[in-house]
PDB file of N, CA and C in Angstrom:
ATOM      1  N   MET A   1     -41.388  16.343   7.669  1.00  0.00           N
ATOM      2  CA  MET A   1     -40.746  17.541   7.184  1.00  0.00           C
ATOM      3  C   MET A   1     -39.924  18.139   8.329  1.00  0.00           C
ATOM      4  N   ASN A   2     -38.633  18.405   8.044  1.00  0.00           N
ATOM      5  CA  ASN A   2     -37.798  18.964   9.110  1.00  0.00           C
ATOM      6  C   ASN A   2     -38.004  20.481   9.217  1.00  0.00           C
ATOM      7  N   GLN A   3     -37.422  21.073  10.239  1.00  0.00           N
ATOM      8  CA  GLN A   3     -37.666  22.481  10.546  1.00  0.00           C
ATOM      9  C   GLN A   3     -37.193  23.416   9.429  1.00  0.00           C
ATOM     10  N   ASP A   4     -36.052  23.113   8.802  1.00  0.00           N
ATOM     11  CA  ASP A   4     -35.576  23.971   7.710  1.00  0.00           C
ATOM     12  C   ASP A   4     -36.539  23.956   6.524  1.00  0.00           C
ATOM     13  N   GLU A   5     -37.120  22.798   6.232  1.00  0.00           N
ATOM     14  CA  GLU A   5     -38.090  22.710   5.136  1.00  0.00           C
ATOM     15  C   GLU A   5     -39.351  23.515   5.460  1.00  0.00           C
ATOM     16  N   VAL A   6     -39.782  23.454   6.711  1.00  0.00           N
ATOM     17  CA  VAL A   6     -40.958  24.227   7.136  1.00  0.00           C
ATOM     18  C   VAL A   6     -40.678  25.716   7.003  1.00  0.00           C
ATOM     19  N   ILE A   7     -39.498  26.138   7.398  1.00  0.00           N
ATOM     20  CA  ILE A   7     -39.133  27.555   7.306  1.00  0.00           C
ATOM     21  C   ILE A   7     -39.081  27.989   5.844  1.00  0.00           C
ATOM     22  N   GLN A   8     -38.497  27.177   4.981  1.00  0.00           N
ATOM     23  CA  GLN A   8     -38.434  27.510   3.556  1.00  0.00           C
ATOM     24  C   GLN A   8     -39.840  27.600   2.948  1.00  0.00           C
ATOM     25  N   LEU A   9     -40.716  26.681   3.344  1.00  0.00           N
ATOM     26  CA  LEU A   9     -42.103  26.720   2.879  1.00  0.00           C
ATOM     27  C   LEU A   9     -42.793  27.999   3.354  1.00  0.00           C
ATOM     28  N   ALA A  10     -42.568  28.367   4.598  1.00  0.00           N
ATOM     29  CA  ALA A  10     -43.160  29.595   5.146  1.00  0.00           C
ATOM     30  C   ALA A  10     -42.636  30.826   4.407  1.00  0.00           C
ATOM     31  N   ILE A  11     -41.358  30.839   4.088  1.00  0.00           N
ATOM     32  CA  ILE A  11     -40.773  31.970   3.350  1.00  0.00           C
ATOM     33  C   ILE A  11     -41.417  32.094   1.968  1.00  0.00           C
ATOM     34  N   ARG A  12     -41.607  30.967   1.288  1.00  0.00           N
ATOM     35  CA  ARG A  12     -42.256  31.005  -0.031  1.00  0.00           C
ATOM     36  C   ARG A  12     -43.683  31.541   0.077  1.00  0.00           C
ATOM     37  N   GLN A  13     -44.389  31.108   1.118  1.00  0.00           N
ATOM     38  CA  GLN A  13     -45.764  31.574   1.303  1.00  0.00           C
ATOM     39  C   GLN A  13     -45.800  33.067   1.638  1.00  0.00           C
ATOM     40  N   VAL A  14     -44.847  33.525   2.414  1.00  0.00           N
ATOM     41  CA  VAL A  14     -44.772  34.954   2.744  1.00  0.00           C
ATOM     42  C   VAL A  14     -44.501  35.764   1.479  1.00  0.00           C
ATOM     43  N   LYS A  15     -43.635  35.250   0.608  1.00  0.00           N
ATOM     44  CA  LYS A  15     -43.383  35.940  -0.660  1.00  0.00           C
ATOM     45  C   LYS A  15     -44.643  35.967  -1.524  1.00  0.00           C
ATOM     46  N   ASP A  16     -45.397  34.872  -1.512  1.00  0.00           N
ATOM     47  CA  ASP A  16     -46.651  34.826  -2.280  1.00  0.00           C
ATOM     48  C   ASP A  16     -47.638  35.882  -1.789  1.00  0.00           C
ATOM     49  N   ILE A  17     -47.781  35.993  -0.479  1.00  0.00           N
ATOM     50  CA  ILE A  17     -48.747  36.954   0.053  1.00  0.00           C
ATOM     51  C   ILE A  17     -48.275  38.391  -0.186  1.00  0.00           C
ATOM     52  N   GLN A  18     -46.971  38.596  -0.203  1.00  0.00           N
ATOM     53  CA  GLN A  18     -46.451  39.920  -0.545  1.00  0.00           C
ATOM     54  C   GLN A  18     -46.786  40.267  -1.997  1.00  0.00           C
ATOM     55  N   ALA A  19     -46.708  39.283  -2.889  1.00  0.00           N
ATOM     56  CA  ALA A  19     -47.060  39.509  -4.297  1.00  0.00           C
ATOM     57  C   ALA A  19     -48.549  39.821  -4.428  1.00  0.00           C
ATOM     58  N   GLN A  20     -49.375  39.128  -3.665  1.00  0.00           N
ATOM     59  CA  GLN A  20     -50.816  39.426  -3.677  1.00  0.00           C
ATOM     60  C   GLN A  20     -51.061  40.855  -3.200  1.00  0.00           C
ATOM     61  N   ALA A  21     -50.392  41.232  -2.133  1.00  0.00           N
ATOM     62  CA  ALA A  21     -50.550  42.589  -1.596  1.00  0.00           C
ATOM     63  C   ALA A  21     -50.097  43.618  -2.624  1.00  0.00           C
ATOM     64  N   GLU A  22     -48.999  43.361  -3.287  1.00  0.00           N
ATOM     65  CA  GLU A  22     -48.486  44.281  -4.296  1.00  0.00           C
ATOM     66  C   GLU A  22     -49.493  44.464  -5.434  1.00  0.00           C
ATOM     67  N   SER A  23     -50.108  43.368  -5.851  1.00  0.00           N
ATOM     68  CA  SER A  23     -51.117  43.421  -6.908  1.00  0.00           C
ATOM     69  C   SER A  23     -52.301  44.294  -6.496  1.00  0.00           C
ATOM     70  N   ILE A  24     -52.740  44.157  -5.262  1.00  0.00           N
ATOM     71  CA  ILE A  24     -53.874  44.946  -4.763  1.00  0.00           C
ATOM     72  C   ILE A  24     -53.496  46.418  -4.658  1.00  0.00           C
ATOM     73  N   VAL A  25     -52.327  46.677  -4.116  1.00  0.00           N
ATOM     74  CA  VAL A  25     -51.875  48.057  -3.940  1.00  0.00           C
ATOM     75  C   VAL A  25     -51.702  48.752  -5.296  1.00  0.00           C
ATOM     76  N   LYS A  26     -51.252  48.005  -6.294  1.00  0.00           N
ATOM     77  CA  LYS A  26     -51.011  48.589  -7.623  1.00  0.00           C
ATOM     78  C   LYS A  26     -52.281  48.735  -8.449  1.00  0.00           C
ATOM     79  N   GLY A  27     -53.422  48.232  -7.967  1.00  0.00           N
ATOM     80  CA  GLY A  27     -54.643  48.502  -8.706  1.00  0.00           C
ATOM     81  C   GLY A  27     -55.658  47.389  -8.819  1.00  0.00           C
ATOM     82  N   ASN A  28     -55.301  46.144  -8.529  1.00  0.00           N
ATOM     83  CA  ASN A  28     -56.279  45.056  -8.600  1.00  0.00           C
ATOM     84  C   ASN A  28     -57.094  45.055  -7.310  1.00  0.00           C
ATOM     85  N   ARG A  29     -58.052  45.961  -7.214  1.00  0.00           N
ATOM     86  CA  ARG A  29     -58.812  46.136  -5.979  1.00  0.00           C
ATOM     87  C   ARG A  29     -60.170  45.461  -6.041  1.00  0.00           C
ATOM     88  N   SER A  30     -60.209  44.333  -6.738  1.00  0.00           N
ATOM     89  CA  SER A  30     -61.481  43.610  -6.830  1.00  0.00           C
ATOM     90  C   SER A  30     -61.826  43.000  -5.472  1.00  0.00           C
ATOM     91  N   ASP A  31     -63.102  42.813  -5.260  1.00  0.00           N
ATOM     92  CA  ASP A  31     -63.553  42.204  -4.007  1.00  0.00           C
ATOM     93  C   ASP A  31     -62.921  40.833  -3.813  1.00  0.00           C
ATOM     94  N   SER A  32     -62.839  40.049  -4.889  1.00  0.00           N
ATOM     95  CA  SER A  32     -62.287  38.696  -4.775  1.00  0.00           C
ATOM     96  C   SER A  32     -60.799  38.723  -4.433  1.00  0.00           C
ATOM     97  N   ALA A  33     -60.041  39.677  -4.980  1.00  0.00           N
ATOM     98  CA  ALA A  33     -58.609  39.770  -4.668  1.00  0.00           C
ATOM     99  C   ALA A  33     -58.401  40.123  -3.197  1.00  0.00           C
ATOM    100  N   ILE A  34     -59.206  41.040  -2.687  1.00  0.00           N
ATOM    101  CA  ILE A  34     -59.074  41.452  -1.288  1.00  0.00           C
ATOM    102  C   ILE A  34     -59.483  40.320  -0.354  1.00  0.00           C
ATOM    103  N   LYS A  35     -60.581  39.644  -0.668  1.00  0.00           N
ATOM    104  CA  LYS A  35     -61.016  38.513   0.160  1.00  0.00           C
ATOM    105  C   LYS A  35     -59.995  37.384   0.124  1.00  0.00           C
ATOM    106  N   SER A  36     -59.410  37.133  -1.043  1.00  0.00           N
ATOM    107  CA  SER A  36     -58.390  36.092  -1.174  1.00  0.00           C
ATOM    108  C   SER A  36     -57.175  36.425  -0.310  1.00  0.00           C
ATOM    109  N   PHE A  37     -56.745  37.687  -0.355  1.00  0.00           N
ATOM    110  CA  PHE A  37     -55.616  38.115   0.475  1.00  0.00           C
ATOM    111  C   PHE A  37     -55.920  37.910   1.950  1.00  0.00           C
ATOM    112  N   ALA A  38     -57.100  38.332   2.371  1.00  0.00           N
ATOM    113  CA  ALA A  38     -57.480  38.225   3.786  1.00  0.00           C
ATOM    114  C   ALA A  38     -57.517  36.773   4.237  1.00  0.00           C
ATOM    115  N   GLY A  39     -58.099  35.899   3.433  1.00  0.00           N
ATOM    116  CA  GLY A  39     -58.178  34.482   3.794  1.00  0.00           C
ATOM    117  C   GLY A  39     -56.813  33.825   3.827  1.00  0.00           C
ATOM    118  N   TYR A  40     -55.987  34.122   2.829  1.00  0.00           N
ATOM    119  CA  TYR A  40     -54.643  33.537   2.767  1.00  0.00           C
ATOM    120  C   TYR A  40     -53.799  34.028   3.938  1.00  0.00           C
ATOM    121  N   SER A  41     -53.983  35.277   4.308  1.00  0.00           N
ATOM    122  CA  SER A  41     -53.237  35.847   5.423  1.00  0.00           C
ATOM    123  C   SER A  41     -53.533  35.102   6.723  1.00  0.00           C
ATOM    124  N   VAL A  42     -54.803  34.832   6.979  1.00  0.00           N
ATOM    125  CA  VAL A  42     -55.190  34.108   8.195  1.00  0.00           C
ATOM    126  C   VAL A  42     -54.597  32.704   8.194  1.00  0.00           C
ATOM    127  N   LYS A  43     -54.679  32.021   7.060  1.00  0.00           N
ATOM    128  CA  LYS A  43     -54.141  30.653   6.964  1.00  0.00           C
ATOM    129  C   LYS A  43     -52.627  30.638   7.128  1.00  0.00           C
ATOM    130  N   LEU A  44     -51.954  31.622   6.560  1.00  0.00           N
ATOM    131  CA  LEU A  44     -50.498  31.694   6.671  1.00  0.00           C
ATOM    132  C   LEU A  44     -50.065  31.937   8.115  1.00  0.00           C
ATOM    133  N   ILE A  45     -50.723  32.861   8.772  1.00  0.00           N
ATOM    134  CA  ILE A  45     -50.390  33.133  10.180  1.00  0.00           C
ATOM    135  C   ILE A  45     -50.605  31.880  11.025  1.00  0.00           C
ATOM    136  N   ASP A  46     -51.693  31.177  10.783  1.00  0.00           N
ATOM    137  CA  ASP A  46     -51.986  29.947  11.509  1.00  0.00           C
ATOM    138  C   ASP A  46     -50.920  28.886  11.243  1.00  0.00           C
ATOM    139  N   PHE A  47     -50.518  28.722   9.982  1.00  0.00           N
ATOM    140  CA  PHE A  47     -49.490  27.742   9.621  1.00  0.00           C
ATOM    141  C   PHE A  47     -48.179  28.042  10.327  1.00  0.00           C
ATOM    142  N   ILE A  48     -47.745  29.288  10.275  1.00  0.00           N
ATOM    143  CA  ILE A  48     -46.469  29.661  10.900  1.00  0.00           C
ATOM    144  C   ILE A  48     -46.552  29.494  12.414  1.00  0.00           C
ATOM    145  N   ASP A  49     -47.658  29.888  13.001  1.00  0.00           N
ATOM    146  CA  ASP A  49     -47.836  29.766  14.452  1.00  0.00           C
ATOM    147  C   ASP A  49     -47.753  28.312  14.904  1.00  0.00           C
ATOM    148  N   LYS A  50     -48.341  27.415  14.136  1.00  0.00           N
ATOM    149  CA  LYS A  50     -48.368  25.997  14.519  1.00  0.00           C
ATOM    150  C   LYS A  50     -47.072  25.262  14.222  1.00  0.00           C
ATOM    151  N   ASN A  51     -46.298  25.716  13.231  1.00  0.00           N
ATOM    152  CA  ASN A  51     -45.165  24.931  12.766  1.00  0.00           C
ATOM    153  C   ASN A  51     -43.785  25.498  13.052  1.00  0.00           C
ATOM    154  N   ILE A  52     -43.716  26.732  13.484  1.00  0.00           N
ATOM    155  CA  ILE A  52     -42.411  27.326  13.786  1.00  0.00           C
ATOM    156  C   ILE A  52     -42.400  27.722  15.255  1.00  0.00           C
ATOM    157  N   PRO A  53     -41.554  27.055  16.037  1.00  0.00           N
ATOM    158  CA  PRO A  53     -41.594  27.233  17.497  1.00  0.00           C
ATOM    159  C   PRO A  53     -40.922  28.493  18.037  1.00  0.00           C
ATOM    160  N   SER A  54     -40.381  29.335  17.202  1.00  0.00           N
ATOM    161  CA  SER A  54     -39.661  30.527  17.652  1.00  0.00           C
ATOM    162  C   SER A  54     -40.589  31.494  18.391  1.00  0.00           C
ATOM    163  N   ASP A  55     -40.187  31.864  19.608  1.00  0.00           N
ATOM    164  CA  ASP A  55     -40.977  32.823  20.391  1.00  0.00           C
ATOM    165  C   ASP A  55     -40.985  34.200  19.735  1.00  0.00           C
ATOM    166  N   GLU A  56     -39.872  34.579  19.122  1.00  0.00           N
ATOM    167  CA  GLU A  56     -39.782  35.879  18.455  1.00  0.00           C
ATOM    168  C   GLU A  56     -40.781  35.942  17.287  1.00  0.00           C
ATOM    169  N   ILE A  57     -40.871  34.869  16.529  1.00  0.00           N
ATOM    170  CA  ILE A  57     -41.809  34.815  15.405  1.00  0.00           C
ATOM    171  C   ILE A  57     -43.244  34.863  15.929  1.00  0.00           C
ATOM    172  N   LYS A  58     -43.529  34.106  16.967  1.00  0.00           N
ATOM    173  CA  LYS A  58     -44.887  34.086  17.526  1.00  0.00           C
ATOM    174  C   LYS A  58     -45.305  35.468  18.028  1.00  0.00           C
ATOM    175  N   ARG A  59     -44.374  36.203  18.644  1.00  0.00           N
ATOM    176  CA  ARG A  59     -44.674  37.568  19.087  1.00  0.00           C
ATOM    177  C   ARG A  59     -44.935  38.475  17.888  1.00  0.00           C
ATOM    178  N   TYR A  60     -44.147  38.305  16.840  1.00  0.00           N
ATOM    179  CA  TYR A  60     -44.311  39.160  15.663  1.00  0.00           C
ATOM    180  C   TYR A  60     -45.627  38.878  14.946  1.00  0.00           C
ATOM    181  N   LEU A  61     -46.062  37.639  14.953  1.00  0.00           N
ATOM    182  CA  LEU A  61     -47.324  37.286  14.299  1.00  0.00           C
ATOM    183  C   LEU A  61     -48.497  38.066  14.895  1.00  0.00           C
ATOM    184  N   LYS A  62     -48.397  38.387  16.168  1.00  0.00           N
ATOM    185  CA  LYS A  62     -49.472  39.140  16.831  1.00  0.00           C
ATOM    186  C   LYS A  62     -49.547  40.583  16.332  1.00  0.00           C
ATOM    187  N   GLU A  63     -48.471  41.071  15.709  1.00  0.00           N
ATOM    188  CA  GLU A  63     -48.452  42.432  15.184  1.00  0.00           C
ATOM    189  C   GLU A  63     -49.054  42.535  13.791  1.00  0.00           C
ATOM    190  N   LEU A  64     -49.214  41.385  13.123  1.00  0.00           N
ATOM    191  CA  LEU A  64     -49.756  41.402  11.767  1.00  0.00           C
ATOM    192  C   LEU A  64     -51.235  41.755  11.795  1.00  0.00           C
ATOM    193  N   PRO A  65     -51.648  42.670  10.940  1.00  0.00           N
ATOM    194  CA  PRO A  65     -53.063  43.065  10.931  1.00  0.00           C
ATOM    195  C   PRO A  65     -53.944  42.010  10.274  1.00  0.00           C
ATOM    196  N   PHE A  66     -55.152  41.861  10.774  1.00  0.00           N
ATOM    197  CA  PHE A  66     -56.148  41.002  10.143  1.00  0.00           C
ATOM    198  C   PHE A  66     -56.994  41.899   9.252  1.00  0.00           C
ATOM    199  N   VAL A  67     -56.936  41.647   7.981  1.00  0.00           N
ATOM    200  CA  VAL A  67     -57.663  42.453   7.004  1.00  0.00           C
ATOM    201  C   VAL A  67     -59.071  41.893   6.864  1.00  0.00           C
ATOM    202  N   THR A  68     -60.046  42.742   7.094  1.00  0.00           N
ATOM    203  CA  THR A  68     -61.431  42.327   6.895  1.00  0.00           C
ATOM    204  C   THR A  68     -62.094  43.337   5.978  1.00  0.00           C
ATOM    205  N   TYR A  69     -62.840  42.821   5.033  1.00  0.00           N
ATOM    206  CA  TYR A  69     -63.518  43.687   4.085  1.00  0.00           C
ATOM    207  C   TYR A  69     -64.863  43.075   3.748  1.00  0.00           C
ATOM    208  N   LYS A  70     -65.902  43.859   3.936  1.00  0.00           N
ATOM    209  CA  LYS A  70     -67.246  43.446   3.547  1.00  0.00           C
ATOM    210  C   LYS A  70     -67.747  44.462   2.530  1.00  0.00           C
ATOM    211  N   PRO A  71     -67.866  44.037   1.281  1.00  0.00           N
ATOM    212  CA  PRO A  71     -68.344  44.991   0.277  1.00  0.00           C
ATOM    213  C   PRO A  71     -69.760  45.448   0.574  1.00  0.00           C
ATOM    214  N   LYS A  72     -70.024  46.671   0.200  1.00  0.00           N
ATOM    215  CA  LYS A  72     -71.365  47.227   0.392  1.00  0.00           C
ATOM    216  C   LYS A  72     -72.101  47.134  -0.934  1.00  0.00           C
ATOM    217  N   TYR A  73     -73.239  46.496  -0.896  1.00  0.00           N
ATOM    218  CA  TYR A  73     -74.035  46.320  -2.110  1.00  0.00           C
ATOM    219  C   TYR A  73     -75.310  47.148  -2.021  1.00  0.00           C
ATOM    220  N   SER A  74     -75.727  47.637  -3.148  1.00  0.00           N
ATOM    221  CA  SER A  74     -76.978  48.383  -3.214  1.00  0.00           C
ATOM    222  C   SER A  74     -78.137  47.402  -3.363  1.00  0.00           C
ATOM    223  N   THR A  75     -79.217  47.702  -2.691  1.00  0.00           N
ATOM    224  CA  THR A  75     -80.429  46.903  -2.851  1.00  0.00           C
ATOM    225  C   THR A  75     -81.218  47.419  -4.049  1.00  0.00           C
ATOM    226  N   PHE A  76     -82.177  46.647  -4.452  1.00  0.00           N
ATOM    227  CA  PHE A  76     -83.030  47.049  -5.578  1.00  0.00           C
ATOM    228  C   PHE A  76     -83.666  48.405  -5.319  1.00  0.00           C
ATOM    229  N   TRP A  77     -84.109  48.627  -4.098  1.00  0.00           N
ATOM    230  CA  TRP A  77     -84.799  49.880  -3.766  1.00  0.00           C
ATOM    231  C   TRP A  77     -83.843  51.065  -3.775  1.00  0.00           C
ATOM    232  N   GLN A  78     -82.576  50.814  -3.461  1.00  0.00           N
ATOM    233  CA  GLN A  78     -81.610  51.904  -3.516  1.00  0.00           C
ATOM    234  C   GLN A  78     -81.343  52.348  -4.953  1.00  0.00           C
ATOM    235  N   TYR A  79     -81.428  51.422  -5.884  1.00  0.00           N
ATOM    236  CA  TYR A  79     -81.269  51.801  -7.291  1.00  0.00           C
ATOM    237  C   TYR A  79     -82.397  52.716  -7.757  1.00  0.00           C
ATOM    238  N   LEU A  80     -83.543  52.539  -7.160  1.00  0.00           N
ATOM    239  CA  LEU A  80     -84.682  53.381  -7.531  1.00  0.00           C
ATOM    240  C   LEU A  80     -84.545  54.795  -6.970  1.00  0.00           C
ATOM    241  N   ALA A  81     -83.896  54.892  -5.839  1.00  0.00           N
ATOM    242  CA  ALA A  81     -83.665  56.205  -5.227  1.00  0.00           C
ATOM    243  C   ALA A  81     -82.233  56.632  -5.563  1.00  0.00           C
ATOM    244  N   TRP A  82     -82.063  57.487  -6.532  1.00  0.00           N
ATOM    245  CA  TRP A  82     -80.758  57.853  -7.066  1.00  0.00           C
ATOM    246  C   TRP A  82     -79.710  58.219  -5.996  1.00  0.00           C
ATOM    247  N   PRO A  83     -79.963  59.102  -5.051  1.00  0.00           N
ATOM    248  CA  PRO A  83     -78.926  59.460  -4.073  1.00  0.00           C
ATOM    249  C   PRO A  83     -78.487  58.281  -3.202  1.00  0.00           C
ATOM    250  N   ALA A  84     -79.407  57.407  -2.836  1.00  0.00           N
ATOM    251  CA  ALA A  84     -79.046  56.278  -1.974  1.00  0.00           C
ATOM    252  C   ALA A  84     -78.044  55.366  -2.668  1.00  0.00           C
ATOM    253  N   TRP A  85     -78.186  55.195  -3.964  1.00  0.00           N
ATOM    254  CA  TRP A  85     -77.283  54.351  -4.730  1.00  0.00           C
ATOM    255  C   TRP A  85     -75.868  54.926  -4.709  1.00  0.00           C
ATOM    256  N   TRP A  86     -75.747  56.239  -4.901  1.00  0.00           N
ATOM    257  CA  TRP A  86     -74.439  56.881  -4.894  1.00  0.00           C
ATOM    258  C   TRP A  86     -73.801  56.860  -3.506  1.00  0.00           C
ATOM    259  N   ILE A  87     -74.602  56.983  -2.490  1.00  0.00           N
ATOM    260  CA  ILE A  87     -74.076  56.925  -1.123  1.00  0.00           C
ATOM    261  C   ILE A  87     -73.457  55.559  -0.847  1.00  0.00           C
ATOM    262  N   THR A  88     -74.123  54.502  -1.289  1.00  0.00           N
ATOM    263  CA  THR A  88     -73.590  53.151  -1.101  1.00  0.00           C
ATOM    264  C   THR A  88     -72.271  52.993  -1.847  1.00  0.00           C
ATOM    265  N   LEU A  89     -72.202  53.478  -3.074  1.00  0.00           N
ATOM    266  CA  LEU A  89     -70.952  53.405  -3.841  1.00  0.00           C
ATOM    267  C   LEU A  89     -69.829  54.181  -3.146  1.00  0.00           C
ATOM    268  N   TYR A  90     -70.159  55.350  -2.619  1.00  0.00           N
ATOM    269  CA  TYR A  90     -69.164  56.170  -1.931  1.00  0.00           C
ATOM    270  C   TYR A  90     -68.644  55.470  -0.672  1.00  0.00           C
ATOM    271  N   LYS A  91     -69.543  54.876   0.088  1.00  0.00           N
ATOM    272  CA  LYS A  91     -69.136  54.164   1.301  1.00  0.00           C
ATOM    273  C   LYS A  91     -68.255  52.970   0.961  1.00  0.00           C
ATOM    274  N   ASP A  92     -68.609  52.244  -0.100  1.00  0.00           N
ATOM    275  CA  ASP A  92     -67.799  51.106  -0.520  1.00  0.00           C
ATOM    276  C   ASP A  92     -66.417  51.568  -0.977  1.00  0.00           C
ATOM    277  N   TYR A  93     -66.358  52.652  -1.705  1.00  0.00           N
ATOM    278  CA  TYR A  93     -65.091  53.216  -2.163  1.00  0.00           C
ATOM    279  C   TYR A  93     -64.201  53.579  -0.974  1.00  0.00           C
ATOM    280  N   ASN A  94     -64.769  54.236   0.016  1.00  0.00           N
ATOM    281  CA  ASN A  94     -63.991  54.614   1.204  1.00  0.00           C
ATOM    282  C   ASN A  94     -63.529  53.407   2.000  1.00  0.00           C
ATOM    283  N   SER A  95     -64.406  52.421   2.181  1.00  0.00           N
ATOM    284  CA  SER A  95     -64.005  51.241   2.962  1.00  0.00           C
ATOM    285  C   SER A  95     -62.935  50.443   2.214  1.00  0.00           C
ATOM    286  N   LYS A  96     -63.021  50.398   0.886  1.00  0.00           N
ATOM    287  CA  LYS A  96     -62.008  49.686   0.108  1.00  0.00           C
ATOM    288  C   LYS A  96     -60.662  50.405   0.200  1.00  0.00           C
ATOM    289  N   ASN A  97     -60.674  51.734   0.155  1.00  0.00           N
ATOM    290  CA  ASN A  97     -59.425  52.484   0.306  1.00  0.00           C
ATOM    291  C   ASN A  97     -58.794  52.246   1.673  1.00  0.00           C
ATOM    292  N   LYS A  98     -59.614  52.162   2.700  1.00  0.00           N
ATOM    293  CA  LYS A  98     -59.100  51.881   4.044  1.00  0.00           C
ATOM    294  C   LYS A  98     -58.464  50.493   4.090  1.00  0.00           C
ATOM    295  N   VAL A  99     -59.103  49.526   3.470  1.00  0.00           N
ATOM    296  CA  VAL A  99     -58.570  48.162   3.446  1.00  0.00           C
ATOM    297  C   VAL A  99     -57.255  48.114   2.672  1.00  0.00           C
ATOM    298  N   VAL A 100     -57.165  48.854   1.581  1.00  0.00           N
ATOM    299  CA  VAL A 100     -55.918  48.885   0.807  1.00  0.00           C
ATOM    300  C   VAL A 100     -54.780  49.456   1.653  1.00  0.00           C
ATOM    301  N   GLU A 101     -55.066  50.458   2.464  1.00  0.00           N
ATOM    302  CA  GLU A 101     -54.046  51.002   3.374  1.00  0.00           C
ATOM    303  C   GLU A 101     -53.613  49.938   4.390  1.00  0.00           C
ATOM    304  N   GLU A 102     -54.563  49.162   4.901  1.00  0.00           N
ATOM    305  CA  GLU A 102     -54.229  48.075   5.819  1.00  0.00           C
ATOM    306  C   GLU A 102     -53.367  47.027   5.118  1.00  0.00           C
ATOM    307  N   ILE A 103     -53.653  46.764   3.865  1.00  0.00           N
ATOM    308  CA  ILE A 103     -52.870  45.791   3.106  1.00  0.00           C
ATOM    309  C   ILE A 103     -51.457  46.308   2.864  1.00  0.00           C
ATOM    310  N   LYS A 104     -51.309  47.610   2.615  1.00  0.00           N
ATOM    311  CA  LYS A 104     -49.969  48.202   2.486  1.00  0.00           C
ATOM    312  C   LYS A 104     -49.169  47.981   3.772  1.00  0.00           C
ATOM    313  N   ASP A 105     -49.814  48.220   4.901  1.00  0.00           N
ATOM    314  CA  ASP A 105     -49.169  48.012   6.200  1.00  0.00           C
ATOM    315  C   ASP A 105     -48.798  46.538   6.373  1.00  0.00           C
ATOM    316  N   ALA A 106     -49.720  45.659   6.033  1.00  0.00           N
ATOM    317  CA  ALA A 106     -49.463  44.221   6.154  1.00  0.00           C
ATOM    318  C   ALA A 106     -48.319  43.796   5.243  1.00  0.00           C
ATOM    319  N   GLN A 107     -48.264  44.372   4.057  1.00  0.00           N
ATOM    320  CA  GLN A 107     -47.200  44.034   3.113  1.00  0.00           C
ATOM    321  C   GLN A 107     -45.825  44.318   3.724  1.00  0.00           C
ATOM    322  N   GLN A 108     -45.687  45.462   4.364  1.00  0.00           N
ATOM    323  CA  GLN A 108     -44.412  45.805   5.005  1.00  0.00           C
ATOM    324  C   GLN A 108     -44.110  44.858   6.168  1.00  0.00           C
ATOM    325  N   LYS A 109     -45.134  44.529   6.931  1.00  0.00           N
ATOM    326  CA  LYS A 109     -44.926  43.619   8.057  1.00  0.00           C
ATOM    327  C   LYS A 109     -44.569  42.211   7.578  1.00  0.00           C
ATOM    328  N   TYR A 110     -45.128  41.792   6.451  1.00  0.00           N
ATOM    329  CA  TYR A 110     -44.762  40.487   5.896  1.00  0.00           C
ATOM    330  C   TYR A 110     -43.320  40.494   5.386  1.00  0.00           C
ATOM    331  N   LEU A 111     -42.850  41.627   4.888  1.00  0.00           N
ATOM    332  CA  LEU A 111     -41.454  41.725   4.488  1.00  0.00           C
ATOM    333  C   LEU A 111     -40.556  41.536   5.710  1.00  0.00           C
ATOM    334  N   ASN A 112     -40.915  42.164   6.826  1.00  0.00           N
ATOM    335  CA  ASN A 112     -40.146  41.996   8.058  1.00  0.00           C
ATOM    336  C   ASN A 112     -40.215  40.549   8.555  1.00  0.00           C
ATOM    337  N   LEU A 113     -41.381  39.927   8.424  1.00  0.00           N
ATOM    338  CA  LEU A 113     -41.528  38.528   8.818  1.00  0.00           C
ATOM    339  C   LEU A 113     -40.627  37.640   7.976  1.00  0.00           C
ATOM    340  N   GLU A 114     -40.545  37.926   6.684  1.00  0.00           N
ATOM    341  CA  GLU A 114     -39.661  37.155   5.809  1.00  0.00           C
ATOM    342  C   GLU A 114     -38.214  37.236   6.297  1.00  0.00           C
ATOM    343  N   LEU A 115     -37.784  38.423   6.665  1.00  0.00           N
ATOM    344  CA  LEU A 115     -36.420  38.594   7.176  1.00  0.00           C
ATOM    345  C   LEU A 115     -36.206  37.829   8.481  1.00  0.00           C
ATOM    346  N   LEU A 116     -37.207  37.855   9.356  1.00  0.00           N
ATOM    347  CA  LEU A 116     -37.100  37.091  10.602  1.00  0.00           C
ATOM    348  C   LEU A 116     -37.001  35.599  10.319  1.00  0.00           C
ATOM    349  N   LEU A 117     -37.793  35.120   9.377  1.00  0.00           N
ATOM    350  CA  LEU A 117     -37.760  33.688   9.026  1.00  0.00           C
ATOM    351  C   LEU A 117     -36.417  33.305   8.414  1.00  0.00           C
ATOM    352  N   LYS A 118     -35.882  34.175   7.572  1.00  0.00           N
ATOM    353  CA  LYS A 118     -34.574  33.897   6.965  1.00  0.00           C
ATOM    354  C   LYS A 118     -33.481  33.849   8.025  1.00  0.00           C
ATOM    355  N   GLY A 119     -33.663  34.619   9.094  1.00  0.00           N
ATOM    356  CA  GLY A 119     -32.703  34.600  10.193  1.00  0.00           C
ATOM    357  C   GLY A 119     -32.708  33.282  10.964  1.00  0.00           C
ATOM    358  N   LEU A 120     -33.777  32.518  10.849  1.00  0.00           N
ATOM    359  CA  LEU A 120     -33.841  31.220  11.537  1.00  0.00           C
ATOM    360  C   LEU A 120     -33.090  30.119  10.783  1.00  0.00           C
ATOM    361  N   THR A 121     -32.848  30.338   9.477  1.00  0.00           N
ATOM    362  CA  THR A 121     -32.156  29.307   8.706  1.00  0.00           C
ATOM    363  C   THR A 121     -30.660  29.453   8.901  1.00  0.00           C
ATOM    364  N   GLY A 122     -30.012  28.349   8.851  1.00  0.00           N
ATOM    365  CA  GLY A 122     -28.574  28.355   9.113  1.00  0.00           C
ATOM    366  C   GLY A 122     -27.813  28.360   7.906  1.00  0.00           C
TER     367      GLY A 122
END
């Protein structure tokens, strides 16, 4: 695969991850959607880092946030104690909102990355 094909593939993948981010930001805040975004983001950054030799791109990749999300689950005993169950739900709600904000930031940075990649094509 020549360099232009690699760049085009990277651009398509960047557009895909932007669509995933848009879906999450617009309301699909399921644990699986967020985990999928985070995993795909890591793989995409790794792919671009290994296959595109541009120093400018490599520097920009370091600015991309790594999204991590660990859902908070209630234990059986927390269900028995009413306030503990609500506290767990509240903490999960807050951590998910924080992750969505990180994804919004990542979405904008991926848009900038797309523009940088398009600048490499002739």
